[in-house]
Amino acid sequence: MAFGGLGVSLAGFAGLISALDRSRAAHSAVANYRVRGIVFLGFALTLVGFGTVALYRVTGDDLSLTVRLASVALALMGVRGLLESRPGPAWRNEGERRFSIAFLCVIIAVTLGNVLVGNLGYLQLLMLLQLSGPMSIFYNTVRDASLVTAATSDPDSKHADGG
């Protein structure tokens, strides 16, 4: 249940991302990607979090089956992430894009492993790992906003870190 509530909170960060976007185009490809990504991930985590409780009752209190079905849902979130990580204007840094793909592949593989095992503790850890997507989107937004702010406040500075 806590993951469900947390997912709704994460979706609220989309407004902060829009407010922090200081690019020339208010609806840049990066900002659109970030808002779309964090809203999807937040609501998907909400659905899996609350859905797991409902699934438990629907499956006749079969914990192992519930964990397996919830793990499949988490794996589908990762597959959707892979589809969103194709090259394009939303990815300014190819290294970050490749790291994201590798990370998603590992998460999908581990999640599919839990489909076989059906362990509740692993499901909870996997749900925590799913938070890394929204956290990285929000972190990158704050990082980019602070770099733009530092560059515009001191145009003579060579580095945003004061160097």
N, C-alpha and C. Protein backbone atom coordinates (compact mmCIF):
# COMPACT_ATOMS: atom_id res chain seq x y z
N MET A 1 0.83 -1.19 0.00
CA MET A 1 0.00 0.00 0.00
C MET A 1 0.88 1.26 0.00
N ALA A 2 1.99 1.19 0.70
CA ALA A 2 2.88 2.35 0.76
C ALA A 2 3.44 2.69 -0.61
N PHE A 3 3.75 1.68 -1.42
CA PHE A 3 4.27 1.94 -2.76
C PHE A 3 3.21 2.61 -3.62
N GLY A 4 1.96 2.28 -3.41
CA GLY A 4 0.89 2.92 -4.15
C GLY A 4 0.81 4.41 -3.85
N GLY A 5 0.87 4.75 -2.58
CA GLY A 5 0.85 6.16 -2.19
C GLY A 5 2.09 6.90 -2.66
N LEU A 6 3.20 6.23 -2.62
CA LEU A 6 4.44 6.83 -3.09
C LEU A 6 4.40 7.09 -4.59
N GLY A 7 3.78 6.20 -5.33
CA GLY A 7 3.66 6.38 -6.78
C GLY A 7 2.86 7.61 -7.13
N VAL A 8 1.78 7.87 -6.41
CA VAL A 8 1.00 9.07 -6.65
C VAL A 8 1.83 10.32 -6.35
N SER A 9 2.60 10.28 -5.30
CA SER A 9 3.47 11.41 -4.97
C SER A 9 4.49 11.66 -6.06
N LEU A 10 5.05 10.59 -6.62
CA LEU A 10 6.03 10.73 -7.69
C LEU A 10 5.43 11.40 -8.91
N ALA A 11 4.19 11.07 -9.23
CA ALA A 11 3.55 11.69 -10.38
C ALA A 11 3.44 13.20 -10.18
N GLY A 12 3.31 13.64 -8.94
CA GLY A 12 3.25 15.07 -8.66
C GLY A 12 4.55 15.80 -8.98
N PHE A 13 5.65 15.08 -9.05
CA PHE A 13 6.92 15.71 -9.40
C PHE A 13 6.95 16.21 -10.84
N ALA A 14 6.01 15.76 -11.65
CA ALA A 14 5.95 16.22 -13.04
C ALA A 14 5.77 17.73 -13.10
N GLY A 15 4.97 18.27 -12.18
CA GLY A 15 4.79 19.73 -12.13
C GLY A 15 6.08 20.44 -11.79
N LEU A 16 6.86 19.86 -10.89
CA LEU A 16 8.15 20.45 -10.54
C LEU A 16 9.11 20.41 -11.72
N ILE A 17 9.06 19.32 -12.48
CA ILE A 17 9.93 19.22 -13.65
C ILE A 17 9.59 20.32 -14.64
N SER A 18 8.31 20.55 -14.86
CA SER A 18 7.90 21.61 -15.77
C SER A 18 8.36 22.97 -15.27
N ALA A 19 8.25 23.19 -13.97
CA ALA A 19 8.64 24.48 -13.40
C ALA A 19 10.15 24.69 -13.45
N LEU A 20 10.92 23.62 -13.33
CA LEU A 20 12.38 23.74 -13.33
C LEU A 20 12.98 23.80 -14.73
N ASP A 21 12.21 23.48 -15.76
CA ASP A 21 12.74 23.48 -17.13
C ASP A 21 12.99 24.91 -17.57
N ARG A 22 14.26 25.24 -17.73
CA ARG A 22 14.63 26.59 -18.12
C ARG A 22 15.10 26.66 -19.57
N SER A 23 14.74 25.66 -20.35
CA SER A 23 15.15 25.67 -21.75
C SER A 23 14.38 26.74 -22.50
N ARG A 24 14.90 27.12 -23.64
CA ARG A 24 14.24 28.15 -24.44
C ARG A 24 12.84 27.74 -24.82
N ALA A 25 12.68 26.52 -25.23
CA ALA A 25 11.36 26.02 -25.58
C ALA A 25 10.73 25.41 -24.34
N ALA A 26 9.61 25.98 -23.93
CA ALA A 26 8.96 25.49 -22.70
C ALA A 26 8.56 24.03 -22.83
N HIS A 27 8.34 23.58 -24.03
CA HIS A 27 7.94 22.18 -24.24
C HIS A 27 9.02 21.45 -25.03
N SER A 28 10.24 21.48 -24.52
CA SER A 28 11.34 20.82 -25.20
C SER A 28 11.15 19.31 -25.17
N ALA A 29 11.84 18.62 -26.06
CA ALA A 29 11.75 17.16 -26.12
C ALA A 29 12.19 16.53 -24.80
N VAL A 30 13.21 17.10 -24.17
CA VAL A 30 13.69 16.56 -22.90
C VAL A 30 12.64 16.73 -21.81
N ALA A 31 12.06 17.94 -21.74
CA ALA A 31 11.04 18.18 -20.71
C ALA A 31 9.83 17.29 -20.93
N ASN A 32 9.40 17.13 -22.16
CA ASN A 32 8.26 16.26 -22.45
C ASN A 32 8.55 14.81 -22.06
N TYR A 33 9.75 14.36 -22.40
CA TYR A 33 10.15 13.00 -22.05
C TYR A 33 10.14 12.83 -20.53
N ARG A 34 10.69 13.77 -19.84
CA ARG A 34 10.78 13.66 -18.38
C ARG A 34 9.41 13.67 -17.72
N VAL A 35 8.55 14.58 -18.15
CA VAL A 35 7.21 14.64 -17.56
C VAL A 35 6.44 13.36 -17.87
N ARG A 36 6.47 12.93 -19.11
CA ARG A 36 5.78 11.71 -19.51
C ARG A 36 6.33 10.51 -18.74
N GLY A 37 7.64 10.44 -18.61
CA GLY A 37 8.26 9.32 -17.91
C GLY A 37 7.93 9.27 -16.44
N ILE A 38 8.02 10.40 -15.76
CA ILE A 38 7.79 10.38 -14.31
C ILE A 38 6.31 10.16 -14.00
N VAL A 39 5.42 10.68 -14.84
CA VAL A 39 3.99 10.43 -14.62
C VAL A 39 3.68 8.95 -14.84
N PHE A 40 4.19 8.38 -15.94
CA PHE A 40 3.94 6.95 -16.19
C PHE A 40 4.50 6.10 -15.06
N LEU A 41 5.75 6.33 -14.69
CA LEU A 41 6.37 5.51 -13.65
C LEU A 41 5.65 5.66 -12.31
N GLY A 42 5.26 6.89 -11.99
CA GLY A 42 4.54 7.12 -10.73
C GLY A 42 3.21 6.39 -10.69
N PHE A 43 2.44 6.53 -11.77
CA PHE A 43 1.13 5.87 -11.79
C PHE A 43 1.26 4.35 -11.94
N ALA A 44 2.24 3.88 -12.69
CA ALA A 44 2.42 2.44 -12.83
C ALA A 44 2.80 1.82 -11.49
N LEU A 45 3.68 2.50 -10.75
CA LEU A 45 4.05 2.01 -9.42
C LEU A 45 2.84 2.05 -8.48
N THR A 46 2.00 3.05 -8.63
CA THR A 46 0.77 3.11 -7.85
C THR A 46 -0.12 1.92 -8.16
N LEU A 47 -0.29 1.64 -9.45
CA LEU A 47 -1.13 0.53 -9.87
C LEU A 47 -0.58 -0.80 -9.35
N VAL A 48 0.71 -1.01 -9.46
CA VAL A 48 1.30 -2.26 -8.98
C VAL A 48 1.20 -2.33 -7.45
N GLY A 49 1.46 -1.21 -6.77
CA GLY A 49 1.39 -1.20 -5.31
C GLY A 49 0.00 -1.52 -4.78
N PHE A 50 -0.98 -0.78 -5.27
CA PHE A 50 -2.36 -1.03 -4.82
C PHE A 50 -2.89 -2.33 -5.43
N GLY A 51 -2.50 -2.61 -6.67
CA GLY A 51 -2.98 -3.80 -7.36
C GLY A 51 -2.53 -5.09 -6.71
N THR A 52 -1.37 -5.08 -6.10
CA THR A 52 -0.86 -6.28 -5.44
C THR A 52 -1.78 -6.69 -4.30
N VAL A 53 -2.29 -5.71 -3.58
CA VAL A 53 -3.22 -6.01 -2.49
C VAL A 53 -4.50 -6.62 -3.05
N ALA A 54 -5.02 -6.04 -4.12
CA ALA A 54 -6.24 -6.57 -4.74
C ALA A 54 -5.99 -7.95 -5.35
N LEU A 55 -4.84 -8.11 -6.01
CA LEU A 55 -4.50 -9.40 -6.60
C LEU A 55 -4.47 -10.51 -5.56
N TYR A 56 -3.99 -10.18 -4.40
CA TYR A 56 -3.90 -11.18 -3.33
C TYR A 56 -5.28 -11.74 -3.01
N ARG A 57 -6.27 -10.86 -2.97
CA ARG A 57 -7.63 -11.32 -2.67
C ARG A 57 -8.22 -12.06 -3.86
N VAL A 58 -7.96 -11.55 -5.08
CA VAL A 58 -8.51 -12.17 -6.29
C VAL A 58 -7.94 -13.57 -6.51
N THR A 59 -6.70 -13.77 -6.15
CA THR A 59 -6.06 -15.09 -6.34
C THR A 59 -6.39 -16.06 -5.20
N GLY A 60 -7.31 -15.68 -4.34
CA GLY A 60 -7.68 -16.58 -3.23
C GLY A 60 -6.59 -16.65 -2.18
N ASP A 61 -5.97 -15.51 -1.91
CA ASP A 61 -4.90 -15.40 -0.92
C ASP A 61 -3.68 -16.25 -1.27
N ASP A 62 -3.42 -16.42 -2.55
CA ASP A 62 -2.25 -17.17 -3.01
C ASP A 62 -1.09 -16.17 -3.17
N LEU A 63 -0.25 -16.11 -2.14
CA LEU A 63 0.82 -15.13 -2.12
C LEU A 63 1.82 -15.33 -3.25
N SER A 64 2.18 -16.56 -3.50
CA SER A 64 3.16 -16.84 -4.55
C SER A 64 2.66 -16.39 -5.92
N LEU A 65 1.42 -16.68 -6.25
CA LEU A 65 0.84 -16.26 -7.53
C LEU A 65 0.74 -14.75 -7.60
N THR A 66 0.36 -14.13 -6.51
CA THR A 66 0.26 -12.67 -6.45
C THR A 66 1.62 -12.03 -6.74
N VAL A 67 2.65 -12.53 -6.10
CA VAL A 67 4.00 -11.99 -6.29
C VAL A 67 4.44 -12.18 -7.74
N ARG A 68 4.14 -13.32 -8.29
CA ARG A 68 4.53 -13.59 -9.69
C ARG A 68 3.82 -12.63 -10.65
N LEU A 69 2.52 -12.41 -10.45
CA LEU A 69 1.78 -11.50 -11.33
C LEU A 69 2.26 -10.06 -11.17
N ALA A 70 2.54 -9.65 -9.95
CA ALA A 70 3.05 -8.30 -9.72
C ALA A 70 4.44 -8.15 -10.34
N SER A 71 5.23 -9.19 -10.30
CA SER A 71 6.56 -9.16 -10.91
C SER A 71 6.45 -9.02 -12.44
N VAL A 72 5.47 -9.68 -13.03
CA VAL A 72 5.25 -9.53 -14.48
C VAL A 72 4.92 -8.07 -14.79
N ALA A 73 4.08 -7.46 -13.98
CA ALA A 73 3.72 -6.05 -14.19
C ALA A 73 4.96 -5.16 -14.10
N LEU A 74 5.83 -5.42 -13.14
CA LEU A 74 7.07 -4.65 -13.02
C LEU A 74 7.97 -4.84 -14.23
N ALA A 75 8.03 -6.07 -14.73
CA ALA A 75 8.85 -6.34 -15.91
C ALA A 75 8.31 -5.57 -17.11
N LEU A 76 7.00 -5.48 -17.23
CA LEU A 76 6.40 -4.72 -18.33
C LEU A 76 6.74 -3.23 -18.23
N MET A 77 6.86 -2.72 -17.01
CA MET A 77 7.30 -1.33 -16.84
C MET A 77 8.70 -1.15 -17.42
N GLY A 78 9.56 -2.13 -17.18
CA GLY A 78 10.92 -2.06 -17.72
C GLY A 78 10.94 -2.15 -19.23
N VAL A 79 10.10 -2.99 -19.79
CA VAL A 79 10.03 -3.10 -21.25
C VAL A 79 9.58 -1.77 -21.85
N ARG A 80 8.61 -1.15 -21.22
CA ARG A 80 8.17 0.17 -21.69
C ARG A 80 9.32 1.17 -21.63
N GLY A 81 10.14 1.08 -20.60
CA GLY A 81 11.30 1.96 -20.49
C GLY A 81 12.29 1.74 -21.63
N LEU A 82 12.47 0.49 -22.02
CA LEU A 82 13.36 0.20 -23.16
C LEU A 82 12.83 0.83 -24.44
N LEU A 83 11.53 0.78 -24.62
CA LEU A 83 10.93 1.37 -25.82
C LEU A 83 11.11 2.89 -25.83
N GLU A 84 11.14 3.50 -24.65
CA GLU A 84 11.31 4.95 -24.54
C GLU A 84 12.78 5.38 -24.65
N SER A 85 13.70 4.43 -24.65
CA SER A 85 15.12 4.80 -24.62
C SER A 85 15.78 4.74 -25.99
N ARG A 86 14.99 4.80 -27.03
CA ARG A 86 15.58 4.86 -28.37
C ARG A 86 16.21 6.23 -28.59
N PRO A 87 17.20 6.32 -29.46
CA PRO A 87 17.88 7.60 -29.69
C PRO A 87 16.90 8.67 -30.16
N GLY A 88 17.17 9.89 -29.75
CA GLY A 88 16.33 11.01 -30.17
C GLY A 88 16.67 12.24 -29.37
N PRO A 89 15.90 13.31 -29.59
CA PRO A 89 16.21 14.58 -28.93
C PRO A 89 16.03 14.56 -27.41
N ALA A 90 15.30 13.59 -26.88
CA ALA A 90 15.12 13.51 -25.44
C ALA A 90 16.37 13.01 -24.73
N TRP A 91 17.29 12.42 -25.49
CA TRP A 91 18.54 11.90 -24.91
C TRP A 91 19.69 12.76 -25.41
N ARG A 92 20.14 13.67 -24.60
CA ARG A 92 21.25 14.55 -24.97
C ARG A 92 22.60 13.85 -24.83
N ASN A 93 22.65 12.87 -23.95
CA ASN A 93 23.91 12.19 -23.64
C ASN A 93 23.78 10.70 -23.97
N GLU A 94 24.52 10.26 -24.96
CA GLU A 94 24.44 8.86 -25.40
C GLU A 94 24.90 7.90 -24.30
N GLY A 95 25.88 8.31 -23.50
CA GLY A 95 26.35 7.46 -22.40
C GLY A 95 25.24 7.22 -21.37
N GLU A 96 24.49 8.26 -21.04
CA GLU A 96 23.38 8.10 -20.10
C GLU A 96 22.30 7.18 -20.67
N ARG A 97 22.04 7.31 -21.98
CA ARG A 97 21.04 6.47 -22.62
C ARG A 97 21.47 5.01 -22.57
N ARG A 98 22.73 4.74 -22.88
CA ARG A 98 23.23 3.35 -22.86
C ARG A 98 23.23 2.77 -21.44
N PHE A 99 23.60 3.59 -20.46
CA PHE A 99 23.57 3.14 -19.07
C PHE A 99 22.14 2.81 -18.67
N SER A 100 21.19 3.65 -19.08
CA SER A 100 19.78 3.42 -18.77
C SER A 100 19.30 2.10 -19.36
N ILE A 101 19.70 1.83 -20.61
CA ILE A 101 19.31 0.57 -21.26
C ILE A 101 19.90 -0.62 -20.50
N ALA A 102 21.17 -0.55 -20.15
CA ALA A 102 21.81 -1.65 -19.42
C ALA A 102 21.14 -1.86 -18.06
N PHE A 103 20.85 -0.78 -17.35
CA PHE A 103 20.20 -0.87 -16.05
C PHE A 103 18.82 -1.49 -16.18
N LEU A 104 18.06 -1.06 -17.21
CA LEU A 104 16.73 -1.62 -17.43
C LEU A 104 16.79 -3.12 -17.75
N CYS A 105 17.78 -3.51 -18.54
CA CYS A 105 17.93 -4.95 -18.88
C CYS A 105 18.21 -5.77 -17.63
N VAL A 106 19.03 -5.27 -16.73
CA VAL A 106 19.32 -5.98 -15.48
C VAL A 106 18.06 -6.07 -14.63
N ILE A 107 17.33 -4.97 -14.50
CA ILE A 107 16.11 -4.97 -13.70
C ILE A 107 15.08 -5.94 -14.28
N ILE A 108 14.93 -5.92 -15.61
CA ILE A 108 13.98 -6.84 -16.24
C ILE A 108 14.38 -8.29 -15.98
N ALA A 109 15.66 -8.61 -16.12
CA ALA A 109 16.13 -9.98 -15.90
C ALA A 109 15.88 -10.42 -14.46
N VAL A 110 16.21 -9.56 -13.50
CA VAL A 110 16.00 -9.91 -12.09
C VAL A 110 14.51 -10.04 -11.79
N THR A 111 13.72 -9.16 -12.39
CA THR A 111 12.26 -9.21 -12.18
C THR A 111 11.68 -10.50 -12.75
N LEU A 112 12.13 -10.87 -13.93
CA LEU A 112 11.65 -12.13 -14.50
C LEU A 112 12.10 -13.32 -13.66
N GLY A 113 13.26 -13.19 -13.03
CA GLY A 113 13.69 -14.24 -12.09
C GLY A 113 12.72 -14.39 -10.94
N ASN A 114 12.15 -13.27 -10.49
CA ASN A 114 11.19 -13.34 -9.40
C ASN A 114 9.85 -13.90 -9.86
N VAL A 115 9.59 -13.84 -11.16
CA VAL A 115 8.39 -14.51 -11.67
C VAL A 115 8.53 -16.02 -11.43
N LEU A 116 9.73 -16.53 -11.57
CA LEU A 116 9.98 -17.95 -11.32
C LEU A 116 9.99 -18.28 -9.83
N VAL A 117 10.62 -17.42 -9.04
CA VAL A 117 10.80 -17.68 -7.61
C VAL A 117 9.54 -17.34 -6.80
N GLY A 118 8.93 -16.20 -7.10
CA GLY A 118 7.72 -15.79 -6.38
C GLY A 118 7.97 -15.36 -4.96
N ASN A 119 9.05 -14.62 -4.70
CA ASN A 119 9.43 -14.22 -3.35
C ASN A 119 8.94 -12.80 -3.06
N LEU A 120 8.18 -12.64 -1.98
CA LEU A 120 7.63 -11.33 -1.61
C LEU A 120 8.73 -10.32 -1.28
N GLY A 121 9.75 -10.76 -0.58
CA GLY A 121 10.86 -9.85 -0.24
C GLY A 121 11.54 -9.31 -1.48
N TYR A 122 11.75 -10.18 -2.47
CA TYR A 122 12.35 -9.73 -3.73
C TYR A 122 11.42 -8.75 -4.45
N LEU A 123 10.12 -9.01 -4.39
CA LEU A 123 9.17 -8.08 -5.01
C LEU A 123 9.28 -6.69 -4.38
N GLN A 124 9.39 -6.66 -3.08
CA GLN A 124 9.51 -5.37 -2.39
C GLN A 124 10.81 -4.67 -2.79
N LEU A 125 11.90 -5.41 -2.89
CA LEU A 125 13.17 -4.82 -3.34
C LEU A 125 13.06 -4.32 -4.78
N LEU A 126 12.39 -5.09 -5.62
CA LEU A 126 12.21 -4.68 -7.02
C LEU A 126 11.37 -3.42 -7.12
N MET A 127 10.38 -3.30 -6.27
CA MET A 127 9.56 -2.08 -6.27
C MET A 127 10.41 -0.88 -5.83
N LEU A 128 11.29 -1.10 -4.87
CA LEU A 128 12.21 -0.02 -4.48
C LEU A 128 13.14 0.34 -5.64
N LEU A 129 13.63 -0.65 -6.36
CA LEU A 129 14.48 -0.38 -7.51
C LEU A 129 13.73 0.41 -8.58
N GLN A 130 12.44 0.16 -8.71
CA GLN A 130 11.65 0.90 -9.69
C GLN A 130 11.60 2.39 -9.39
N LEU A 131 11.86 2.75 -8.14
CA LEU A 131 11.91 4.16 -7.78
C LEU A 131 13.13 4.86 -8.38
N SER A 132 14.13 4.09 -8.79
CA SER A 132 15.33 4.70 -9.36
C SER A 132 15.03 5.45 -10.64
N GLY A 133 14.05 5.02 -11.40
CA GLY A 133 13.68 5.72 -12.64
C GLY A 133 13.17 7.13 -12.36
N PRO A 134 12.10 7.29 -11.56
CA PRO A 134 11.63 8.64 -11.25
C PRO A 134 12.68 9.48 -10.52
N MET A 135 13.47 8.84 -9.64
CA MET A 135 14.50 9.60 -8.92
C MET A 135 15.55 10.14 -9.89
N SER A 136 15.96 9.33 -10.85
CA SER A 136 16.98 9.80 -11.79
C SER A 136 16.43 10.88 -12.71
N ILE A 137 15.17 10.76 -13.11
CA ILE A 137 14.56 11.81 -13.93
C ILE A 137 14.53 13.11 -13.15
N PHE A 138 14.09 13.06 -11.90
CA PHE A 138 14.02 14.28 -11.11
C PHE A 138 15.41 14.84 -10.83
N TYR A 139 16.36 13.98 -10.51
CA TYR A 139 17.73 14.43 -10.27
C TYR A 139 18.30 15.13 -11.50
N ASN A 140 18.13 14.52 -12.66
CA ASN A 140 18.66 15.13 -13.89
C ASN A 140 18.00 16.48 -14.18
N THR A 141 16.74 16.61 -13.86
CA THR A 141 16.05 17.89 -14.06
C THR A 141 16.63 18.96 -13.14
N VAL A 142 16.80 18.62 -11.88
CA VAL A 142 17.37 19.58 -10.94
C VAL A 142 18.81 19.93 -11.33
N ARG A 143 19.58 18.92 -11.72
CA ARG A 143 20.96 19.16 -12.16
C ARG A 143 21.00 20.11 -13.35
N ASP A 144 20.19 19.84 -14.36
CA ASP A 144 20.18 20.70 -15.55
C ASP A 144 19.72 22.11 -15.22
N ALA A 145 18.71 22.22 -14.35
CA ALA A 145 18.21 23.55 -13.98
C ALA A 145 19.28 24.33 -13.23
N SER A 146 20.03 23.66 -12.36
CA SER A 146 21.07 24.37 -11.60
C SER A 146 22.23 24.77 -12.50
N LEU A 147 22.54 23.95 -13.50
CA LEU A 147 23.60 24.31 -14.44
C LEU A 147 23.21 25.51 -15.29
N VAL A 148 21.95 25.54 -15.74
CA VAL A 148 21.47 26.66 -16.54
C VAL A 148 21.44 27.92 -15.69
N THR A 149 20.97 27.81 -14.45
CA THR A 149 20.92 28.97 -13.55
C THR A 149 22.31 29.50 -13.27
N ALA A 150 23.27 28.62 -13.02
CA ALA A 150 24.64 29.04 -12.74
C ALA A 150 25.26 29.70 -13.97
N ALA A 151 25.00 29.17 -15.13
CA ALA A 151 25.58 29.73 -16.36
C ALA A 151 24.98 31.09 -16.68
N THR A 152 23.69 31.29 -16.42
CA THR A 152 23.07 32.57 -16.74
C THR A 152 23.35 33.62 -15.69
N SER A 153 23.62 33.22 -14.45
CA SER A 153 23.90 34.20 -13.41
C SER A 153 25.34 34.71 -13.48
N ASP A 154 26.26 33.91 -14.02
CA ASP A 154 27.66 34.31 -14.14
C ASP A 154 28.18 33.91 -15.51
N PRO A 155 27.91 34.73 -16.53
CA PRO A 155 28.31 34.34 -17.89
C PRO A 155 29.82 34.25 -18.09
N ASP A 156 30.62 34.84 -17.21
CA ASP A 156 32.07 34.79 -17.35
C ASP A 156 32.65 33.51 -16.76
N SER A 157 31.85 32.78 -16.00
CA SER A 157 32.34 31.55 -15.38
C SER A 157 32.45 30.45 -16.42
N LYS A 158 33.56 29.68 -16.37
CA LYS A 158 33.75 28.58 -17.28
C LYS A 158 33.03 27.33 -16.83
N HIS A 159 32.83 27.20 -15.52
CA HIS A 159 32.22 26.00 -14.98
C HIS A 159 31.09 26.40 -14.05
N ALA A 160 30.06 25.59 -14.02
CA ALA A 160 28.93 25.85 -13.14
C ALA A 160 29.26 25.62 -11.69
N ASP A 161 30.36 24.91 -11.40
CA ASP A 161 30.71 24.61 -10.01
C ASP A 161 31.59 25.69 -9.40
N GLY A 162 31.74 26.81 -10.08
CA GLY A 162 32.50 27.91 -9.52
C GLY A 162 33.95 27.91 -9.94
N GLY A 163 34.39 26.94 -10.73
CA GLY A 163 35.79 26.81 -11.11
C GLY A 163 36.20 27.61 -12.30
